[in-house]
Amino acid sequence: MKSIFHKITSFTMALLVLFSTFSFSVAQHYCGDVLVDYSFMGHAESCDMEVQETAELPEFNLVKADCCSDEVLTVDGQNDLKVSFEKLSFEQQQFVASFIYTYLNLYEGLPENIVPFSDYPPPLLVKDIQILDQIFLI
């Protein structure tokens, strides 16, 4: 039972570290208000309307507005996982040290196994109470 609990705990801690350090980005390409393409790896493909829309008009010397837009959503994971012990104040360091010391010594066993009733014999059986009361263990 302890082994299974230990494996489950270590697996969940590994997943916690994995997901806290995991970073990704999603590139999206919109043409107007319509999502045309998205990509989890790299850049989203364009719909090639930018090339047609941005052509210059030589007689008016104007440039048409671009109807397409690109968005990149980025989720950055945690880069520094090492917690420095020096960043703690003196009182916090003292608390951590005393907590660890008391926790390690909490489960320390006795030097010898003491049985307080080892010198006394069991009582004499006068009547068999189980047979008298007809109580049997099955």
Protein backbone atom coordinates (compact mmCIF):
# COMPACT_ATOMS: atom_id res chain seq x y z
CA MET A 1 0.00 0.00 0.00
CA LYS A 2 2.82 2.37 0.89
CA SER A 3 4.58 1.56 -2.37
CA ILE A 4 1.50 2.35 -4.45
CA PHE A 5 0.92 5.63 -2.61
CA HIS A 6 4.60 6.54 -3.12
CA LYS A 7 4.37 5.83 -6.86
CA ILE A 8 1.18 7.87 -7.25
CA THR A 9 2.65 10.78 -5.33
CA SER A 10 5.88 10.79 -7.32
CA PHE A 11 3.95 10.60 -10.61
CA THR A 12 1.73 13.56 -9.70
CA MET A 13 4.74 15.58 -8.58
CA ALA A 14 6.48 14.83 -11.88
CA LEU A 15 3.38 15.99 -13.78
CA LEU A 16 3.25 19.14 -11.66
CA VAL A 17 6.87 19.98 -12.51
CA LEU A 18 6.25 19.18 -16.18
CA PHE A 19 3.19 21.41 -16.51
CA SER A 20 4.68 24.27 -14.48
CA THR A 21 7.73 24.43 -16.77
CA PHE A 22 5.86 23.77 -20.02
CA SER A 23 5.62 26.77 -22.35
CA PHE A 24 3.95 27.01 -25.75
CA SER A 25 2.64 29.48 -28.28
CA VAL A 26 -0.37 29.49 -30.60
CA ALA A 27 -0.21 31.50 -33.82
CA GLN A 28 -3.56 32.54 -35.33
CA HIS A 29 -4.31 34.15 -38.68
CA TYR A 30 -7.55 36.13 -39.03
CA CYS A 31 -8.99 37.40 -42.27
CA GLY A 32 -11.38 40.08 -41.11
CA ASP A 33 -13.11 38.52 -38.11
CA VAL A 34 -12.84 34.93 -39.37
CA LEU A 35 -10.15 32.58 -38.09
CA VAL A 36 -8.47 31.16 -41.17
CA ASP A 37 -5.57 29.15 -39.72
CA TYR A 38 -3.89 28.37 -36.42
CA SER A 39 -0.68 26.64 -35.52
CA PHE A 40 0.83 25.30 -32.32
CA MET A 41 4.28 24.93 -33.86
CA GLY A 42 5.66 27.77 -35.96
CA HIS A 43 3.67 30.38 -37.89
CA ALA A 44 0.09 30.17 -39.12
CA GLU A 45 -0.36 30.07 -42.90
CA SER A 46 -1.74 33.23 -44.43
CA CYS A 47 -4.73 33.32 -46.76
CA ASP A 48 -2.73 35.23 -49.46
CA MET A 49 -5.17 38.12 -49.44
CA GLU A 50 -2.45 40.46 -48.18
CA VAL A 51 -0.65 40.32 -51.52
CA GLN A 52 -3.77 41.29 -53.48
CA GLU A 53 -4.99 43.93 -51.03
CA THR A 54 -1.70 45.78 -50.52
CA ALA A 55 -1.03 46.54 -54.18
CA GLU A 56 -0.32 50.23 -54.72
CA LEU A 57 -2.55 52.26 -56.99
CA PRO A 58 -0.23 54.45 -59.07
CA GLU A 59 -2.82 56.99 -60.22
CA PHE A 60 -3.99 57.90 -56.69
CA ASN A 61 -0.76 57.07 -54.78
CA LEU A 62 -2.78 55.20 -52.12
CA VAL A 63 -2.31 51.88 -50.36
CA LYS A 64 -5.36 49.79 -49.47
CA ALA A 65 -5.77 48.76 -45.83
CA ASP A 66 -4.92 45.17 -44.92
CA CYS A 67 -7.94 43.13 -43.77
CA CYS A 68 -5.83 40.28 -42.35
CA SER A 69 -4.20 40.13 -38.94
CA ASP A 70 -1.92 37.75 -37.10
CA GLU A 71 -2.08 37.02 -33.38
CA VAL A 72 0.37 35.03 -31.29
CA LEU A 73 -0.67 33.80 -27.84
CA THR A 74 2.32 32.80 -25.74
CA VAL A 75 2.24 30.98 -22.40
CA ASP A 76 5.63 31.04 -20.69
CA GLY A 77 6.48 28.37 -18.14
CA GLN A 78 8.59 28.75 -15.06
CA ASN A 79 12.30 28.75 -15.86
CA ASP A 80 13.87 28.82 -12.40
CA LEU A 81 12.84 25.90 -10.19
CA LYS A 82 15.62 26.12 -7.63
CA VAL A 83 14.55 27.88 -4.45
CA SER A 84 17.45 29.52 -2.71
CA PHE A 85 17.78 28.91 1.03
CA GLU A 86 19.61 32.24 1.40
CA LYS A 87 16.51 34.24 0.39
CA LEU A 88 14.76 33.25 3.61
CA SER A 89 15.02 35.45 6.68
CA PHE A 90 16.83 34.22 9.77
CA GLU A 91 13.56 33.38 11.56
CA GLN A 92 12.34 31.37 8.56
CA GLN A 93 15.65 29.49 8.34
CA GLN A 94 15.44 28.74 12.06
CA PHE A 95 11.86 27.44 11.67
CA VAL A 96 12.78 25.20 8.72
CA ALA A 97 15.81 23.78 10.53
CA SER A 98 13.86 23.06 13.73
CA PHE A 99 10.95 21.55 11.77
CA ILE A 100 13.26 19.17 9.89
CA TYR A 101 15.10 18.19 13.08
CA THR A 102 11.89 17.43 15.00
CA TYR A 103 10.32 15.60 12.06
CA LEU A 104 13.34 13.33 11.62
CA ASN A 105 13.50 12.54 15.34
CA LEU A 106 9.75 12.04 15.64
CA TYR A 107 9.85 8.42 14.51
CA GLU A 108 12.99 7.39 16.35
CA GLY A 109 12.44 4.05 18.09
CA LEU A 110 13.37 2.97 21.59
CA PRO A 111 16.73 1.22 22.06
CA GLU A 112 15.03 -1.97 23.28
CA ASN A 113 11.57 -3.38 23.04
CA ILE A 114 9.88 -3.02 26.46
CA VAL A 115 7.00 -5.41 27.22
CA PRO A 116 5.46 -4.43 30.59
CA PHE A 117 3.49 -7.70 31.12
CA SER A 118 6.24 -10.19 30.23
CA ASP A 119 6.92 -11.10 33.91
CA TYR A 120 3.29 -11.96 34.67
CA PRO A 121 1.68 -15.29 33.68
CA PRO A 122 -1.78 -15.31 32.06
CA PRO A 123 -4.76 -15.96 34.35
CA LEU A 124 -5.90 -19.54 34.95
CA LEU A 125 -8.87 -20.66 32.92
CA VAL A 126 -11.65 -21.65 35.33
CA LYS A 127 -14.50 -21.97 32.85
CA ASP A 128 -14.56 -21.92 29.10
CA ILE A 129 -16.63 -18.77 28.57
CA GLN A 130 -16.96 -19.25 24.79
CA ILE A 131 -18.66 -22.62 25.23
CA LEU A 132 -20.85 -21.36 28.07
CA ASP A 133 -22.08 -18.38 26.07
CA GLN A 134 -21.99 -20.35 22.78
CA ILE A 135 -19.87 -17.72 21.03
CA PHE A 136 -17.62 -19.25 18.37
CA LEU A 137 -15.29 -17.60 15.91
CA ILE A 138 -15.87 -18.86 12.41
